[in-house]
Structures are given as structure tokens and as C-alpha cells.
Amino acid sequence: MTSLLEVGMQGMNKQVSALRTRQQKTLEQIFKTPVPAGIKWSDIESLIKALGGEVKEGRGSRCKFLLNGKIANFHRPHPSPDTDKGTVAGLREWLESAGVTP
């Protein structure tokens, strides 16, 4: 008998394997060591949506991501569209807590 957690993880694995090439590359970049900087914010939003998550706009540059019952708040980078290492590290931790790995 499989547990609900295992069923949920199997579903997430299917979602990860169904990503487009660019989304898959974004996911792989997020999980690189050392933590990279410079991932385009629009690519991150596209990845979250492709995984079945939601992206909600907040005030100013605030952005909320919802995926598998997990919530994360980030600040959209500006004026550059590229994320810094701290944001990428936080995003990686949140994705892992939501059951997403490359």
C-alpha cells in the first residue's frame, strides 16, 4: 500500500518530467551548487505555473508563490530581471519543501 505522501510525490515527478526544456533548465539551475545568480524572474514564474502552482502579485515588487500547500513570499528583482543568490537559495528550499527536485 502506498502512502498519500508517496502518491503526491509520484504526481509531482510526473509534473517535473512534463516540463518544457526551458522550464527544466530553470529547475536545474535553481538546484546547482554553488547557488547561481542571474536566473530570469520570468523563467521562475513560468516554472512555478508549469508545476501547477500559482503566482500572486502583491504590493510593489512582492510576489507570492503557492505550490502543493506551501507558500513562499519573494521580492521581484528590479530594475534588473535577474535574481540574486539569496533569492535562488530561498526558492530552492521552498521547492524542496513542496516536494520538487530536478
PDB file of N, CA and C in Angstrom:
ATOM      1  N   MET A   1       0.844  -1.169   0.000  1.00  0.00           N
ATOM      2  CA  MET A   1       0.000   0.000   0.000  1.00  0.00           C
ATOM      3  C   MET A   1       0.898   1.244   0.000  1.00  0.00           C
ATOM      4  N   THR A   2       0.567   2.231  -0.827  1.00  0.00           N
ATOM      5  CA  THR A   2       1.357   3.459  -0.879  1.00  0.00           C
ATOM      6  C   THR A   2       0.706   4.533  -0.023  1.00  0.00           C
ATOM      7  N   SER A   3       1.531   5.358   0.582  1.00  0.00           N
ATOM      8  CA  SER A   3       1.019   6.431   1.431  1.00  0.00           C
ATOM      9  C   SER A   3       0.597   7.620   0.571  1.00  0.00           C
ATOM     10  N   LEU A   4      -0.156   8.519   1.177  1.00  0.00           N
ATOM     11  CA  LEU A   4      -0.570   9.732   0.463  1.00  0.00           C
ATOM     12  C   LEU A   4       0.635  10.556   0.052  1.00  0.00           C
ATOM     13  N   LEU A   5       1.673  10.592   0.880  1.00  0.00           N
ATOM     14  CA  LEU A   5       2.878  11.335   0.546  1.00  0.00           C
ATOM     15  C   LEU A   5       3.531  10.761  -0.702  1.00  0.00           C
ATOM     16  N   GLU A   6       3.610   9.424  -0.786  1.00  0.00           N
ATOM     17  CA  GLU A   6       4.204   8.784  -1.956  1.00  0.00           C
ATOM     18  C   GLU A   6       3.386   9.063  -3.209  1.00  0.00           C
ATOM     19  N   VAL A   7       2.070   9.037  -3.088  1.00  0.00           N
ATOM     20  CA  VAL A   7       1.195   9.337  -4.225  1.00  0.00           C
ATOM     21  C   VAL A   7       1.415  10.774  -4.673  1.00  0.00           C
ATOM     22  N   GLY A   8       1.512  11.700  -3.711  1.00  0.00           N
ATOM     23  CA  GLY A   8       1.757  13.109  -4.032  1.00  0.00           C
ATOM     24  C   GLY A   8       3.093  13.307  -4.718  1.00  0.00           C
ATOM     25  N   MET A   9       4.123  12.615  -4.253  1.00  0.00           N
ATOM     26  CA  MET A   9       5.451  12.723  -4.854  1.00  0.00           C
ATOM     27  C   MET A   9       5.459  12.145  -6.264  1.00  0.00           C
ATOM     28  N   GLN A  10       4.738  11.053  -6.481  1.00  0.00           N
ATOM     29  CA  GLN A  10       4.671  10.474  -7.815  1.00  0.00           C
ATOM     30  C   GLN A  10       4.018  11.452  -8.776  1.00  0.00           C
ATOM     31  N   GLY A  11       2.976  12.136  -8.315  1.00  0.00           N
ATOM     32  CA  GLY A  11       2.319  13.144  -9.146  1.00  0.00           C
ATOM     33  C   GLY A  11       3.250  14.294  -9.467  1.00  0.00           C
ATOM     34  N   MET A  12       4.054  14.705  -8.483  1.00  0.00           N
ATOM     35  CA  MET A  12       4.996  15.794  -8.703  1.00  0.00           C
ATOM     36  C   MET A  12       6.083  15.365  -9.676  1.00  0.00           C
ATOM     37  N   ASN A  13       6.547  14.113  -9.579  1.00  0.00           N
ATOM     38  CA  ASN A  13       7.551  13.620 -10.512  1.00  0.00           C
ATOM     39  C   ASN A  13       7.025  13.659 -11.942  1.00  0.00           C
ATOM     40  N   LYS A  14       5.743  13.354 -12.128  1.00  0.00           N
ATOM     41  CA  LYS A  14       5.140  13.430 -13.460  1.00  0.00           C
ATOM     42  C   LYS A  14       5.128  14.869 -13.950  1.00  0.00           C
ATOM     43  N   GLN A  15       4.813  15.810 -13.050  1.00  0.00           N
ATOM     44  CA  GLN A  15       4.797  17.218 -13.436  1.00  0.00           C
ATOM     45  C   GLN A  15       6.195  17.676 -13.832  1.00  0.00           C
ATOM     46  N   VAL A  16       7.202  17.271 -13.082  1.00  0.00           N
ATOM     47  CA  VAL A  16       8.574  17.669 -13.389  1.00  0.00           C
ATOM     48  C   VAL A  16       9.004  17.084 -14.722  1.00  0.00           C
ATOM     49  N   SER A  17       8.657  15.831 -14.993  1.00  0.00           N
ATOM     50  CA  SER A  17       9.059  15.205 -16.253  1.00  0.00           C
ATOM     51  C   SER A  17       8.306  15.779 -17.449  1.00  0.00           C
ATOM     52  N   ALA A  18       7.182  16.464 -17.210  1.00  0.00           N
ATOM     53  CA  ALA A  18       6.399  17.040 -18.302  1.00  0.00           C
ATOM     54  C   ALA A  18       6.777  18.495 -18.601  1.00  0.00           C
ATOM     55  N   LEU A  19       7.803  19.012 -17.934  1.00  0.00           N
ATOM     56  CA  LEU A  19       8.204  20.400 -18.157  1.00  0.00           C
ATOM     57  C   LEU A  19       8.797  20.583 -19.543  1.00  0.00           C
ATOM     58  N   ARG A  20       8.647  21.772 -20.067  1.00  0.00           N
ATOM     59  CA  ARG A  20       9.306  22.122 -21.322  1.00  0.00           C
ATOM     60  C   ARG A  20      10.803  22.240 -21.058  1.00  0.00           C
ATOM     61  N   THR A  21      11.590  22.201 -22.107  1.00  0.00           N
ATOM     62  CA  THR A  21      13.044  22.233 -21.974  1.00  0.00           C
ATOM     63  C   THR A  21      13.524  23.447 -21.192  1.00  0.00           C
ATOM     64  N   ARG A  22      12.999  24.623 -21.492  1.00  0.00           N
ATOM     65  CA  ARG A  22      13.444  25.838 -20.806  1.00  0.00           C
ATOM     66  C   ARG A  22      13.089  25.790 -19.315  1.00  0.00           C
ATOM     67  N   GLN A  23      11.910  25.271 -19.002  1.00  0.00           N
ATOM     68  CA  GLN A  23      11.494  25.155 -17.601  1.00  0.00           C
ATOM     69  C   GLN A  23      12.362  24.132 -16.870  1.00  0.00           C
ATOM     70  N   GLN A  24      12.695  23.045 -17.540  1.00  0.00           N
ATOM     71  CA  GLN A  24      13.569  22.028 -16.948  1.00  0.00           C
ATOM     72  C   GLN A  24      14.949  22.622 -16.669  1.00  0.00           C
ATOM     73  N   LYS A  25      15.467  23.421 -17.604  1.00  0.00           N
ATOM     74  CA  LYS A  25      16.774  24.057 -17.407  1.00  0.00           C
ATOM     75  C   LYS A  25      16.734  25.047 -16.250  1.00  0.00           C
ATOM     76  N   THR A  26      15.633  25.763 -16.105  1.00  0.00           N
ATOM     77  CA  THR A  26      15.486  26.692 -14.983  1.00  0.00           C
ATOM     78  C   THR A  26      15.509  25.924 -13.669  1.00  0.00           C
ATOM     79  N   LEU A  27      14.787  24.809 -13.592  1.00  0.00           N
ATOM     80  CA  LEU A  27      14.770  23.985 -12.385  1.00  0.00           C
ATOM     81  C   LEU A  27      16.174  23.471 -12.068  1.00  0.00           C
ATOM     82  N   GLU A  28      16.890  23.020 -13.077  1.00  0.00           N
ATOM     83  CA  GLU A  28      18.253  22.529 -12.873  1.00  0.00           C
ATOM     84  C   GLU A  28      19.174  23.646 -12.392  1.00  0.00           C
ATOM     85  N   GLN A  29      19.010  24.857 -12.931  1.00  0.00           N
ATOM     86  CA  GLN A  29      19.819  25.998 -12.488  1.00  0.00           C
ATOM     87  C   GLN A  29      19.580  26.295 -11.015  1.00  0.00           C
ATOM     88  N   ILE A  30      18.326  26.257 -10.598  1.00  0.00           N
ATOM     89  CA  ILE A  30      17.971  26.556  -9.211  1.00  0.00           C
ATOM     90  C   ILE A  30      18.667  25.586  -8.256  1.00  0.00           C
ATOM     91  N   PHE A  31      18.849  24.338  -8.675  1.00  0.00           N
ATOM     92  CA  PHE A  31      19.430  23.321  -7.803  1.00  0.00           C
ATOM     93  C   PHE A  31      20.935  23.129  -8.006  1.00  0.00           C
ATOM     94  N   LYS A  32      21.579  23.984  -8.803  1.00  0.00           N
ATOM     95  CA  LYS A  32      23.031  23.893  -8.993  1.00  0.00           C
ATOM     96  C   LYS A  32      23.766  24.254  -7.713  1.00  0.00           C
ATOM     97  N   THR A  33      24.967  23.683  -7.573  1.00  0.00           N
ATOM     98  CA  THR A  33      25.866  24.047  -6.479  1.00  0.00           C
ATOM     99  C   THR A  33      27.172  24.508  -7.103  1.00  0.00           C
ATOM    100  N   PRO A  34      27.691  25.650  -6.738  1.00  0.00           N
ATOM    101  CA  PRO A  34      27.160  26.631  -5.798  1.00  0.00           C
ATOM    102  C   PRO A  34      25.915  27.318  -6.356  1.00  0.00           C
ATOM    103  N   VAL A  35      25.196  27.981  -5.467  1.00  0.00           N
ATOM    104  CA  VAL A  35      23.950  28.653  -5.844  1.00  0.00           C
ATOM    105  C   VAL A  35      24.251  29.717  -6.898  1.00  0.00           C
ATOM    106  N   PRO A  36      23.584  29.647  -8.048  1.00  0.00           N
ATOM    107  CA  PRO A  36      23.837  30.642  -9.088  1.00  0.00           C
ATOM    108  C   PRO A  36      23.000  31.906  -8.897  1.00  0.00           C
ATOM    109  N   ALA A  37      23.457  32.977  -9.489  1.00  0.00           N
ATOM    110  CA  ALA A  37      22.671  34.209  -9.572  1.00  0.00           C
ATOM    111  C   ALA A  37      22.339  34.401 -11.046  1.00  0.00           C
ATOM    112  N   GLY A  38      21.432  35.304 -11.326  1.00  0.00           N
ATOM    113  CA  GLY A  38      21.175  35.658 -12.714  1.00  0.00           C
ATOM    114  C   GLY A  38      20.085  34.875 -13.418  1.00  0.00           C
ATOM    115  N   ILE A  39      19.287  34.108 -12.702  1.00  0.00           N
ATOM    116  CA  ILE A  39      18.165  33.411 -13.337  1.00  0.00           C
ATOM    117  C   ILE A  39      17.065  34.443 -13.571  1.00  0.00           C
ATOM    118  N   LYS A  40      16.520  34.464 -14.758  1.00  0.00           N
ATOM    119  CA  LYS A  40      15.475  35.437 -15.097  1.00  0.00           C
ATOM    120  C   LYS A  40      14.210  35.157 -14.284  1.00  0.00           C
ATOM    121  N   TRP A  41      13.647  36.219 -13.721  1.00  0.00           N
ATOM    122  CA  TRP A  41      12.448  36.098 -12.888  1.00  0.00           C
ATOM    123  C   TRP A  41      11.288  35.519 -13.688  1.00  0.00           C
ATOM    124  N   SER A  42      11.150  35.919 -14.938  1.00  0.00           N
ATOM    125  CA  SER A  42      10.048  35.413 -15.768  1.00  0.00           C
ATOM    126  C   SER A  42      10.167  33.901 -15.977  1.00  0.00           C
ATOM    127  N   ASP A  43      11.395  33.386 -16.038  1.00  0.00           N
ATOM    128  CA  ASP A  43      11.595  31.937 -16.171  1.00  0.00           C
ATOM    129  C   ASP A  43      11.160  31.212 -14.895  1.00  0.00           C
ATOM    130  N   ILE A  44      11.405  31.832 -13.742  1.00  0.00           N
ATOM    131  CA  ILE A  44      10.992  31.243 -12.466  1.00  0.00           C
ATOM    132  C   ILE A  44       9.469  31.201 -12.379  1.00  0.00           C
ATOM    133  N   GLU A  45       8.813  32.298 -12.741  1.00  0.00           N
ATOM    134  CA  GLU A  45       7.343  32.326 -12.718  1.00  0.00           C
ATOM    135  C   GLU A  45       6.769  31.276 -13.661  1.00  0.00           C
ATOM    136  N   SER A  46       7.353  31.133 -14.838  1.00  0.00           N
ATOM    137  CA  SER A  46       6.901  30.135 -15.809  1.00  0.00           C
ATOM    138  C   SER A  46       7.039  28.723 -15.236  1.00  0.00           C
ATOM    139  N   LEU A  47       8.141  28.459 -14.548  1.00  0.00           N
ATOM    140  CA  LEU A  47       8.364  27.154 -13.928  1.00  0.00           C
ATOM    141  C   LEU A  47       7.305  26.853 -12.875  1.00  0.00           C
ATOM    142  N   ILE A  48       7.030  27.814 -12.002  1.00  0.00           N
ATOM    143  CA  ILE A  48       6.047  27.605 -10.932  1.00  0.00           C
ATOM    144  C   ILE A  48       4.676  27.289 -11.529  1.00  0.00           C
ATOM    145  N   LYS A  49       4.276  28.032 -12.539  1.00  0.00           N
ATOM    146  CA  LYS A  49       2.979  27.799 -13.184  1.00  0.00           C
ATOM    147  C   LYS A  49       2.938  26.430 -13.861  1.00  0.00           C
ATOM    148  N   ALA A  50       4.042  26.030 -14.500  1.00  0.00           N
ATOM    149  CA  ALA A  50       4.093  24.734 -15.180  1.00  0.00           C
ATOM    150  C   ALA A  50       4.009  23.571 -14.191  1.00  0.00           C
ATOM    151  N   LEU A  51       4.461  23.800 -12.963  1.00  0.00           N
ATOM    152  CA  LEU A  51       4.383  22.771 -11.924  1.00  0.00           C
ATOM    153  C   LEU A  51       3.005  22.707 -11.283  1.00  0.00           C
ATOM    154  N   GLY A  52       2.100  23.583 -11.715  1.00  0.00           N
ATOM    155  CA  GLY A  52       0.747  23.598 -11.166  1.00  0.00           C
ATOM    156  C   GLY A  52       0.572  24.583 -10.032  1.00  0.00           C
ATOM    157  N   GLY A  53       1.555  25.443  -9.834  1.00  0.00           N
ATOM    158  CA  GLY A  53       1.491  26.434  -8.765  1.00  0.00           C
ATOM    159  C   GLY A  53       0.825  27.720  -9.211  1.00  0.00           C
ATOM    160  N   GLU A  54       0.659  28.607  -8.252  1.00  0.00           N
ATOM    161  CA  GLU A  54       0.070  29.917  -8.518  1.00  0.00           C
ATOM    162  C   GLU A  54       1.091  30.995  -8.213  1.00  0.00           C
ATOM    163  N   VAL A  55       1.018  32.071  -8.979  1.00  0.00           N
ATOM    164  CA  VAL A  55       1.840  33.248  -8.743  1.00  0.00           C
ATOM    165  C   VAL A  55       0.880  34.394  -8.488  1.00  0.00           C
ATOM    166  N   LYS A  56       0.950  34.972  -7.292  1.00  0.00           N
ATOM    167  CA  LYS A  56       0.054  36.074  -6.940  1.00  0.00           C
ATOM    168  C   LYS A  56       0.872  37.336  -6.729  1.00  0.00           C
ATOM    169  N   GLU A  57       0.396  38.407  -7.341  1.00  0.00           N
ATOM    170  CA  GLU A  57       1.067  39.696  -7.223  1.00  0.00           C
ATOM    171  C   GLU A  57       0.697  40.354  -5.909  1.00  0.00           C
ATOM    172  N   GLY A  58       1.672  40.953  -5.261  1.00  0.00           N
ATOM    173  CA  GLY A  58       1.429  41.702  -4.038  1.00  0.00           C
ATOM    174  C   GLY A  58       1.669  43.178  -4.296  1.00  0.00           C
ATOM    175  N   ARG A  59       1.847  43.918  -3.229  1.00  0.00           N
ATOM    176  CA  ARG A  59       2.134  45.346  -3.361  1.00  0.00           C
ATOM    177  C   ARG A  59       3.573  45.549  -3.809  1.00  0.00           C
ATOM    178  N   GLY A  60       3.755  46.524  -4.652  1.00  0.00           N
ATOM    179  CA  GLY A  60       5.105  46.829  -5.119  1.00  0.00           C
ATOM    180  C   GLY A  60       5.716  45.650  -5.849  1.00  0.00           C
ATOM    181  N   SER A  61       6.868  45.222  -5.379  1.00  0.00           N
ATOM    182  CA  SER A  61       7.565  44.120  -6.045  1.00  0.00           C
ATOM    183  C   SER A  61       7.342  42.780  -5.343  1.00  0.00           C
ATOM    184  N   ARG A  62       6.412  42.737  -4.417  1.00  0.00           N
ATOM    185  CA  ARG A  62       6.149  41.486  -3.693  1.00  0.00           C
ATOM    186  C   ARG A  62       5.412  40.484  -4.574  1.00  0.00           C
ATOM    187  N   CYS A  63       5.751  39.223  -4.364  1.00  0.00           N
ATOM    188  CA  CYS A  63       5.163  38.151  -5.158  1.00  0.00           C
ATOM    189  C   CYS A  63       5.008  36.926  -4.261  1.00  0.00           C
ATOM    190  N   LYS A  64       3.863  36.268  -4.328  1.00  0.00           N
ATOM    191  CA  LYS A  64       3.595  35.080  -3.511  1.00  0.00           C
ATOM    192  C   LYS A  64       3.464  33.878  -4.434  1.00  0.00           C
ATOM    193  N   PHE A  65       4.166  32.809  -4.092  1.00  0.00           N
ATOM    194  CA  PHE A  65       4.084  31.555  -4.823  1.00  0.00           C
ATOM    195  C   PHE A  65       3.360  30.539  -3.955  1.00  0.00           C
ATOM    196  N   LEU A  66       2.427  29.789  -4.558  1.00  0.00           N
ATOM    197  CA  LEU A  66       1.711  28.716  -3.872  1.00  0.00           C
ATOM    198  C   LEU A  66       1.881  27.433  -4.682  1.00  0.00           C
ATOM    199  N   LEU A  67       2.320  26.368  -4.011  1.00  0.00           N
ATOM    200  CA  LEU A  67       2.524  25.092  -4.685  1.00  0.00           C
ATOM    201  C   LEU A  67       2.428  23.966  -3.659  1.00  0.00           C
ATOM    202  N   ASN A  68       1.561  23.003  -3.909  1.00  0.00           N
ATOM    203  CA  ASN A  68       1.400  21.827  -3.031  1.00  0.00           C
ATOM    204  C   ASN A  68       1.179  22.213  -1.570  1.00  0.00           C
ATOM    205  N   GLY A  69       0.398  23.246  -1.353  1.00  0.00           N
ATOM    206  CA  GLY A  69       0.087  23.670   0.003  1.00  0.00           C
ATOM    207  C   GLY A  69       1.180  24.481   0.675  1.00  0.00           C
ATOM    208  N   LYS A  70       2.252  24.758  -0.021  1.00  0.00           N
ATOM    209  CA  LYS A  70       3.369  25.537   0.524  1.00  0.00           C
ATOM    210  C   LYS A  70       3.330  26.947  -0.071  1.00  0.00           C
ATOM    211  N   ILE A  71       3.587  27.930   0.781  1.00  0.00           N
ATOM    212  CA  ILE A  71       3.550  29.334   0.367  1.00  0.00           C
ATOM    213  C   ILE A  71       4.930  29.941   0.567  1.00  0.00           C
ATOM    214  N   ALA A  72       5.347  30.760  -0.384  1.00  0.00           N
ATOM    215  CA  ALA A  72       6.612  31.489  -0.264  1.00  0.00           C
ATOM    216  C   ALA A  72       6.403  32.906  -0.768  1.00  0.00           C
ATOM    217  N   ASN A  73       7.036  33.846  -0.093  1.00  0.00           N
ATOM    218  CA  ASN A  73       6.980  35.247  -0.500  1.00  0.00           C
ATOM    219  C   ASN A  73       8.367  35.701  -0.931  1.00  0.00           C
ATOM    220  N   PHE A  74       8.410  36.342  -2.079  1.00  0.00           N
ATOM    221  CA  PHE A  74       9.672  36.852  -2.612  1.00  0.00           C
ATOM    222  C   PHE A  74       9.458  38.266  -3.125  1.00  0.00           C
ATOM    223  N   HIS A  75      10.562  38.966  -3.309  1.00  0.00           N
ATOM    224  CA  HIS A  75      10.526  40.275  -3.944  1.00  0.00           C
ATOM    225  C   HIS A  75      11.041  40.106  -5.361  1.00  0.00           C
ATOM    226  N   ARG A  76      10.245  40.552  -6.300  1.00  0.00           N
ATOM    227  CA  ARG A  76      10.641  40.511  -7.702  1.00  0.00           C
ATOM    228  C   ARG A  76      11.852  41.434  -7.872  1.00  0.00           C
ATOM    229  N   PRO A  77      12.890  40.963  -8.553  1.00  0.00           N
ATOM    230  CA  PRO A  77      14.073  41.813  -8.730  1.00  0.00           C
ATOM    231  C   PRO A  77      13.761  43.004  -9.639  1.00  0.00           C
ATOM    232  N   HIS A  78      14.373  44.120  -9.313  1.00  0.00           N
ATOM    233  CA  HIS A  78      14.226  45.311 -10.150  1.00  0.00           C
ATOM    234  C   HIS A  78      15.406  46.217  -9.898  1.00  0.00           C
ATOM    235  N   PRO A  79      15.877  46.984 -10.799  1.00  0.00           N
ATOM    236  CA  PRO A  79      15.382  47.119 -12.167  1.00  0.00           C
ATOM    237  C   PRO A  79      15.798  45.964 -13.081  1.00  0.00           C
ATOM    238  N   SER A  80      16.789  45.185 -12.675  1.00  0.00           N
ATOM    239  CA  SER A  80      17.227  44.048 -13.481  1.00  0.00           C
ATOM    240  C   SER A  80      16.244  42.886 -13.317  1.00  0.00           C
ATOM    241  N   PRO A  81      16.017  42.102 -14.369  1.00  0.00           N
ATOM    242  CA  PRO A  81      15.109  40.948 -14.260  1.00  0.00           C
ATOM    243  C   PRO A  81      15.778  39.706 -13.672  1.00  0.00           C
ATOM    244  N   ASP A  82      17.062  39.809 -13.305  1.00  0.00           N
ATOM    245  CA  ASP A  82      17.815  38.653 -12.825  1.00  0.00           C
ATOM    246  C   ASP A  82      17.774  38.541 -11.306  1.00  0.00           C
ATOM    247  N   THR A  83      17.633  37.318 -10.810  1.00  0.00           N
ATOM    248  CA  THR A  83      17.565  37.078  -9.367  1.00  0.00           C
ATOM    249  C   THR A  83      18.966  37.017  -8.763  1.00  0.00           C
ATOM    250  N   ASP A  84      19.031  37.301  -7.457  1.00  0.00           N
ATOM    251  CA  ASP A  84      20.312  37.186  -6.757  1.00  0.00           C
ATOM    252  C   ASP A  84      20.415  35.806  -6.099  1.00  0.00           C
ATOM    253  N   LYS A  85      21.591  35.506  -5.552  1.00  0.00           N
ATOM    254  CA  LYS A  85      21.842  34.181  -4.966  1.00  0.00           C
ATOM    255  C   LYS A  85      20.936  33.886  -3.775  1.00  0.00           C
ATOM    256  N   GLY A  86      20.657  34.892  -2.966  1.00  0.00           N
ATOM    257  CA  GLY A  86      19.802  34.687  -1.797  1.00  0.00           C
ATOM    258  C   GLY A  86      18.397  34.267  -2.179  1.00  0.00           C
ATOM    259  N   THR A  87      17.865  34.896  -3.213  1.00  0.00           N
ATOM    260  CA  THR A  87      16.525  34.545  -3.688  1.00  0.00           C
ATOM    261  C   THR A  87      16.514  33.133  -4.259  1.00  0.00           C
ATOM    262  N   VAL A  88      17.545  32.792  -5.018  1.00  0.00           N
ATOM    263  CA  VAL A  88      17.622  31.447  -5.604  1.00  0.00           C
ATOM    264  C   VAL A  88      17.719  30.397  -4.495  1.00  0.00           C
ATOM    265  N   ALA A  89      18.508  30.662  -3.460  1.00  0.00           N
ATOM    266  CA  ALA A  89      18.634  29.717  -2.341  1.00  0.00           C
ATOM    267  C   ALA A  89      17.294  29.545  -1.623  1.00  0.00           C
ATOM    268  N   GLY A  90      16.575  30.644  -1.404  1.00  0.00           N
ATOM    269  CA  GLY A  90      15.259  30.567  -0.771  1.00  0.00           C
ATOM    270  C   GLY A  90      14.262  29.813  -1.630  1.00  0.00           C
ATOM    271  N   LEU A  91      14.332  30.044  -2.925  1.00  0.00           N
ATOM    272  CA  LEU A  91      13.452  29.357  -3.866  1.00  0.00           C
ATOM    273  C   LEU A  91      13.728  27.853  -3.849  1.00  0.00           C
ATOM    274  N   ARG A  92      14.990  27.485  -3.806  1.00  0.00           N
ATOM    275  CA  ARG A  92      15.375  26.067  -3.754  1.00  0.00           C
ATOM    276  C   ARG A  92      14.797  25.402  -2.503  1.00  0.00           C
ATOM    277  N   GLU A  93      14.955  26.043  -1.350  1.00  0.00           N
ATOM    278  CA  GLU A  93      14.424  25.488  -0.094  1.00  0.00           C
ATOM    279  C   GLU A  93      12.911  25.313  -0.168  1.00  0.00           C
ATOM    280  N   TRP A  94      12.224  26.319  -0.715  1.00  0.00           N
ATOM    281  CA  TRP A  94      10.767  26.251  -0.821  1.00  0.00           C
ATOM    282  C   TRP A  94      10.343  25.127  -1.763  1.00  0.00           C
ATOM    283  N   LEU A  95      11.011  25.001  -2.908  1.00  0.00           N
ATOM    284  CA  LEU A  95      10.672  23.931  -3.851  1.00  0.00           C
ATOM    285  C   LEU A  95      10.879  22.556  -3.211  1.00  0.00           C
ATOM    286  N   GLU A  96      11.975  22.397  -2.478  1.00  0.00           N
ATOM    287  CA  GLU A  96      12.218  21.122  -1.798  1.00  0.00           C
ATOM    288  C   GLU A  96      11.115  20.823  -0.788  1.00  0.00           C
ATOM    289  N   SER A  97      10.668  21.845  -0.055  1.00  0.00           N
ATOM    290  CA  SER A  97       9.598  21.635   0.931  1.00  0.00           C
ATOM    291  C   SER A  97       8.276  21.281   0.254  1.00  0.00           C
ATOM    292  N   ALA A  98       8.126  21.700  -1.008  1.00  0.00           N
ATOM    293  CA  ALA A  98       6.921  21.382  -1.778  1.00  0.00           C
ATOM    294  C   ALA A  98       7.061  20.056  -2.524  1.00  0.00           C
ATOM    295  N   GLY A  99       8.211  19.392  -2.367  1.00  0.00           N
ATOM    296  CA  GLY A  99       8.409  18.087  -2.993  1.00  0.00           C
ATOM    297  C   GLY A  99       8.929  18.138  -4.411  1.00  0.00           C
ATOM    298  N   VAL A 100       9.537  19.263  -4.797  1.00  0.00           N
ATOM    299  CA  VAL A 100      10.034  19.417  -6.166  1.00  0.00           C
ATOM    300  C   VAL A 100      11.558  19.369  -6.173  1.00  0.00           C
ATOM    301  N   THR A 101      12.113  18.473  -6.966  1.00  0.00           N
ATOM    302  CA  THR A 101      13.549  18.407  -7.231  1.00  0.00           C
ATOM    303  C   THR A 101      13.723  18.055  -8.702  1.00  0.00           C
ATOM    304  N   PRO A 102      14.884  18.380  -9.270  1.00  0.00           N
ATOM    305  CA  PRO A 102      15.065  18.056 -10.701  1.00  0.00           C
ATOM    306  C   PRO A 102      15.176  16.563 -10.956  1.00  0.00           C
TER     307      PRO A 102
END
